[in-house]
Amino acid sequence: MSFRRDVWLFTIHGSRHLSERSPFRAAFQEGNKGGDKLIYADFETAKDNRPVSSRGGLVKLFSYQELATMPSRYKGMQDANPPAPEFARLSKESQNRAIAFDFELPGSNDFAGVGVQIEGQPPKDGKPVADDVSGFKYFTLQLYATGVTSMAVQFISQGNGIALANGDPEFHIKVLPGLNTYQIRLNSINQPSWAERKVNPKDVLKKLTQINIVASCNQCVQAKGTVVVDNLIFQN
């Protein structure tokens, strides 16, 4: 299920907003009522003036690249530490909040990426807190992206006996124009073929600590764009 939109970004008084041509927002909100679900992050909550997940987990930006001399770059909240995406609104009138960031992937790298890390819960006693989401069938999110043709959604477990140096289970979304709702069947997520250590994706879902949403490239040609994310939900 997806809701197609034509959207564009604009800024008012230093705060990022999203304007839309079609009133699909109410339809999405209505669809969230009832049923078994976990609202992982809707970005309506802030802590220290920065976005957090629905239960207070850290939300931060990160980047990586093959060549240190050709770094990937991102832009979000100014002066946030660690780096954070900005809040975004669908319109001047709407009070609903999403998150947004800009990215730039340099050419000449065999691989590079910029993404947002979303922890489900704050750490406890210095250890990441895990969620068991293995009983859900689907993961949905709203996503708007320019500058890339696909975005990776990575499912990660840290500090609970499954931590991988790389090669976490993931799903690649083909990006459509505008702001859309994408649905992922959780039994379709897999590790990339190059992953050195193999795990059962369901074991990761049993001890999930964070979700990464990443704009990336291989054999990179320079690319830059904007990403807007909202309403990360596990459901049946």
Protein backbone atom coordinates (compact mmCIF):
# COMPACT_ATOMS: atom_id res chain seq x y z
CA MET A 1 0.00 0.00 0.00
CA SER A 2 1.40 3.40 -0.93
CA PHE A 3 0.13 6.94 -1.13
CA ARG A 4 1.62 8.85 -4.06
CA ARG A 5 2.34 12.57 -3.54
CA ASP A 6 3.90 15.47 -5.36
CA VAL A 7 5.95 17.31 -2.75
CA TRP A 8 8.62 19.96 -2.51
CA LEU A 9 10.70 21.41 0.31
CA PHE A 10 10.74 24.98 1.48
CA THR A 11 12.05 26.82 4.53
CA ILE A 12 10.32 29.32 6.78
CA HIS A 13 12.14 31.03 9.66
CA GLY A 14 14.94 28.46 9.55
CA SER A 15 12.62 25.45 9.92
CA ARG A 16 12.20 22.95 7.13
CA HIS A 17 8.71 22.29 5.80
CA LEU A 18 7.18 20.01 3.21
CA SER A 19 4.32 21.18 1.00
CA GLU A 20 1.99 18.79 -0.77
CA ARG A 21 -0.60 18.91 -3.53
CA SER A 22 -2.83 16.07 -2.37
CA PRO A 23 -4.48 15.61 1.08
CA PHE A 24 -3.34 12.01 1.63
CA ARG A 25 -2.10 12.69 5.15
CA ALA A 26 -5.50 12.12 6.75
CA ALA A 27 -5.87 8.82 4.92
CA PHE A 28 -2.54 7.58 6.32
CA GLN A 29 -3.45 8.60 9.86
CA GLU A 30 -6.77 6.78 9.59
CA GLY A 31 -4.93 3.67 8.47
CA ASN A 32 -2.83 3.70 11.65
CA LYS A 33 -5.83 3.06 13.90
CA GLY A 34 -6.34 -0.40 15.38
CA GLY A 35 -4.54 -3.70 14.88
CA ASP A 36 -1.33 -5.05 16.30
CA LYS A 37 1.53 -2.65 15.66
CA LEU A 38 4.58 -0.99 17.10
CA ILE A 39 5.04 2.67 16.19
CA TYR A 40 8.83 2.63 16.17
CA ALA A 41 9.27 6.30 15.32
CA ASP A 42 6.84 9.04 14.30
CA PHE A 43 9.16 11.94 15.29
CA GLU A 44 6.49 13.77 17.25
CA THR A 45 8.77 13.61 20.30
CA ALA A 46 11.86 15.74 20.87
CA LYS A 47 14.56 15.59 23.54
CA ASP A 48 17.07 18.39 23.96
CA ASN A 49 15.42 20.00 20.92
CA ARG A 50 16.36 17.09 18.64
CA PRO A 51 14.32 14.20 17.20
CA VAL A 52 14.04 10.92 19.09
CA SER A 53 12.13 7.73 18.37
CA SER A 54 8.65 7.17 19.80
CA ARG A 55 10.12 5.76 23.03
CA GLY A 56 13.04 8.17 23.29
CA GLY A 57 15.77 6.39 21.30
CA LEU A 58 18.62 8.40 19.79
CA VAL A 59 18.27 9.62 16.19
CA LYS A 60 21.51 10.67 14.49
CA LEU A 61 23.13 11.13 11.09
CA PHE A 62 26.18 9.19 9.91
CA SER A 63 28.30 8.83 6.80
CA TYR A 64 30.94 6.53 5.34
CA GLN A 65 33.11 6.27 2.23
CA GLU A 66 35.94 4.25 0.75
CA LEU A 67 38.39 7.17 0.47
CA ALA A 68 38.98 9.50 3.41
CA THR A 69 40.06 12.15 0.93
CA MET A 70 36.62 12.04 -0.75
CA PRO A 71 34.22 12.18 2.23
CA SER A 72 30.46 11.86 2.09
CA ARG A 73 28.69 14.89 3.54
CA TYR A 74 25.35 15.58 5.20
CA LYS A 75 23.44 18.58 6.48
CA GLY A 76 20.86 18.51 9.23
CA MET A 77 20.46 20.43 12.48
CA GLN A 78 23.23 22.94 12.91
CA ASP A 79 25.44 22.45 15.99
CA ALA A 80 23.72 19.19 17.07
CA ASN A 81 26.04 16.73 18.80
CA PRO A 82 25.89 13.98 17.70
CA PRO A 83 24.67 15.17 14.27
CA ALA A 84 20.89 15.07 13.91
CA PRO A 85 18.39 15.47 11.08
CA GLU A 86 16.11 18.49 11.05
CA PHE A 87 12.42 18.40 11.85
CA ALA A 88 10.21 18.74 8.78
CA ARG A 89 6.51 19.57 8.42
CA LEU A 90 4.16 18.74 5.58
CA SER A 91 2.91 22.30 5.40
CA LYS A 92 2.88 25.57 7.33
CA GLU A 93 -0.48 24.60 8.83
CA SER A 94 0.35 20.99 9.76
CA GLN A 95 1.74 20.20 13.22
CA ASN A 96 2.85 16.70 12.17
CA ARG A 97 6.63 16.33 12.24
CA ALA A 98 8.94 14.22 10.10
CA ILE A 99 12.75 14.32 9.85
CA ALA A 100 14.87 15.55 6.92
CA PHE A 101 18.49 15.83 5.87
CA ASP A 102 20.54 16.68 2.80
CA PHE A 103 23.38 14.49 1.53
CA GLU A 104 26.23 14.56 -0.94
CA LEU A 105 28.02 11.44 -2.18
CA PRO A 106 31.33 12.18 -3.92
CA GLY A 107 32.48 10.43 -7.06
CA SER A 108 35.60 8.21 -7.28
CA ASN A 109 34.61 6.05 -4.29
CA ASP A 110 33.87 2.37 -4.83
CA PHE A 111 31.30 2.80 -2.06
CA ALA A 112 29.89 5.67 0.01
CA GLY A 113 26.75 6.50 1.96
CA VAL A 114 24.87 8.88 4.23
CA GLY A 115 22.07 7.76 6.51
CA VAL A 116 20.03 8.25 9.63
CA GLN A 117 20.27 5.85 12.59
CA ILE A 118 17.13 5.41 14.69
CA GLU A 119 17.37 3.57 18.00
CA GLY A 120 14.15 2.07 19.32
CA GLN A 121 14.83 2.85 22.98
CA PRO A 122 17.44 4.68 25.08
CA PRO A 123 20.28 2.51 26.44
CA LYS A 124 19.96 0.99 29.89
CA ASP A 125 23.02 0.65 32.12
CA GLY A 126 25.11 1.62 29.09
CA LYS A 127 23.75 -1.22 26.94
CA PRO A 128 21.45 -0.98 23.90
CA VAL A 129 17.89 -2.09 24.66
CA ALA A 130 16.49 -4.64 22.21
CA ASP A 131 12.98 -5.03 20.80
CA ASP A 132 11.56 -8.38 19.67
CA VAL A 133 9.76 -7.50 16.44
CA SER A 134 9.98 -11.00 14.96
CA GLY A 135 6.23 -11.51 15.41
CA PHE A 136 5.34 -8.76 12.93
CA LYS A 137 4.87 -9.38 9.21
CA TYR A 138 5.49 -5.92 7.81
CA PHE A 139 7.52 -2.78 8.31
CA THR A 140 6.17 0.43 6.77
CA LEU A 141 7.62 3.90 6.49
CA GLN A 142 6.99 7.15 4.69
CA LEU A 143 9.90 8.27 2.55
CA TYR A 144 10.78 11.09 0.17
CA ALA A 145 14.19 11.05 -1.50
CA THR A 146 15.93 12.82 -4.35
CA GLY A 147 19.36 12.21 -5.86
CA VAL A 148 19.25 8.40 -5.63
CA THR A 149 17.11 5.69 -7.22
CA SER A 150 16.97 3.48 -4.12
CA MET A 151 17.32 3.64 -0.35
CA ALA A 152 18.49 0.88 1.99
CA VAL A 153 16.60 0.04 5.18
CA GLN A 154 18.93 -1.84 7.53
CA PHE A 155 17.84 -3.83 10.59
CA ILE A 156 20.56 -3.93 13.25
CA SER A 157 21.22 -5.52 16.63
CA GLN A 158 24.00 -4.15 18.82
CA GLY A 159 25.09 -5.21 22.29
CA ASN A 160 22.84 -8.28 22.38
CA GLY A 161 25.10 -11.02 21.04
CA ILE A 162 24.50 -10.54 17.30
CA ALA A 163 26.50 -7.40 16.47
CA LEU A 164 27.93 -7.46 12.95
CA ALA A 165 30.85 -5.35 11.77
CA ASN A 166 29.00 -5.03 8.45
CA GLY A 167 26.49 -6.89 6.31
CA ASP A 168 23.35 -6.34 8.42
CA PRO A 169 20.01 -7.63 7.05
CA GLU A 170 18.47 -5.03 4.77
CA PHE A 171 15.91 -4.22 2.12
CA HIS A 172 16.39 -1.85 -0.82
CA ILE A 173 13.44 0.40 -1.66
CA LYS A 174 13.07 1.64 -5.22
CA VAL A 175 12.39 5.35 -4.77
CA LEU A 176 9.29 6.76 -6.47
CA PRO A 177 8.67 10.47 -7.06
CA GLY A 178 7.18 12.33 -4.11
CA LEU A 179 6.44 11.24 -0.55
CA ASN A 180 5.22 7.65 -0.45
CA THR A 181 4.39 4.96 2.08
CA TYR A 182 6.49 1.84 1.46
CA GLN A 183 5.73 -1.59 2.90
CA ILE A 184 8.43 -4.21 3.49
CA ARG A 185 7.67 -7.87 4.18
CA LEU A 186 9.99 -8.74 7.04
CA ASN A 187 10.56 -12.26 5.71
CA SER A 188 12.12 -10.66 2.61
CA ILE A 189 15.04 -8.89 4.33
CA ASN A 190 18.47 -10.43 3.74
CA GLN A 191 22.14 -9.78 4.27
CA PRO A 192 24.09 -8.52 1.25
CA SER A 193 25.88 -11.28 -0.65
CA TRP A 194 29.30 -9.99 0.44
CA ALA A 195 28.57 -10.28 4.18
CA GLU A 196 31.40 -12.23 5.81
CA ARG A 197 29.42 -13.44 8.80
CA LYS A 198 26.03 -14.99 8.10
CA VAL A 199 23.11 -14.70 10.54
CA ASN A 200 19.44 -15.55 10.44
CA PRO A 201 17.58 -12.25 9.85
CA LYS A 202 14.83 -13.39 12.21
CA ASP A 203 17.38 -13.63 15.03
CA VAL A 204 18.24 -9.97 14.38
CA LEU A 205 14.55 -9.05 14.50
CA LYS A 206 14.26 -10.79 17.86
CA LYS A 207 16.93 -8.46 19.28
CA LEU A 208 16.53 -5.31 17.18
CA THR A 209 18.18 -2.19 18.61
CA GLN A 210 18.21 0.23 15.66
CA ILE A 211 17.10 0.88 12.09
CA ASN A 212 19.27 2.69 9.55
CA ILE A 213 17.88 4.38 6.44
CA VAL A 214 20.70 4.99 3.98
CA ALA A 215 21.36 6.73 0.66
CA SER A 216 24.38 4.97 -0.83
CA CYS A 217 26.30 4.27 -4.01
CA ASN A 218 28.71 1.72 -5.46
CA GLN A 219 31.25 2.73 -8.11
CA CYS A 220 30.03 6.18 -7.18
CA VAL A 221 29.22 9.04 -9.48
CA GLN A 222 28.71 12.30 -7.58
CA ALA A 223 25.15 12.60 -6.27
CA LYS A 224 23.35 14.89 -3.87
CA GLY A 225 19.79 15.16 -2.68
CA THR A 226 17.32 15.36 0.19
CA VAL A 227 15.70 12.66 2.32
CA VAL A 228 12.52 12.98 4.40
CA VAL A 229 11.41 10.13 6.70
CA ASP A 230 8.31 9.62 8.84
CA ASN A 231 6.13 6.98 10.52
CA LEU A 232 8.26 3.87 10.97
CA ILE A 233 5.79 1.16 11.98
CA PHE A 234 5.91 -2.60 12.54
CA GLN A 235 2.54 -4.24 11.94
CA ASN A 236 0.67 -7.38 10.92
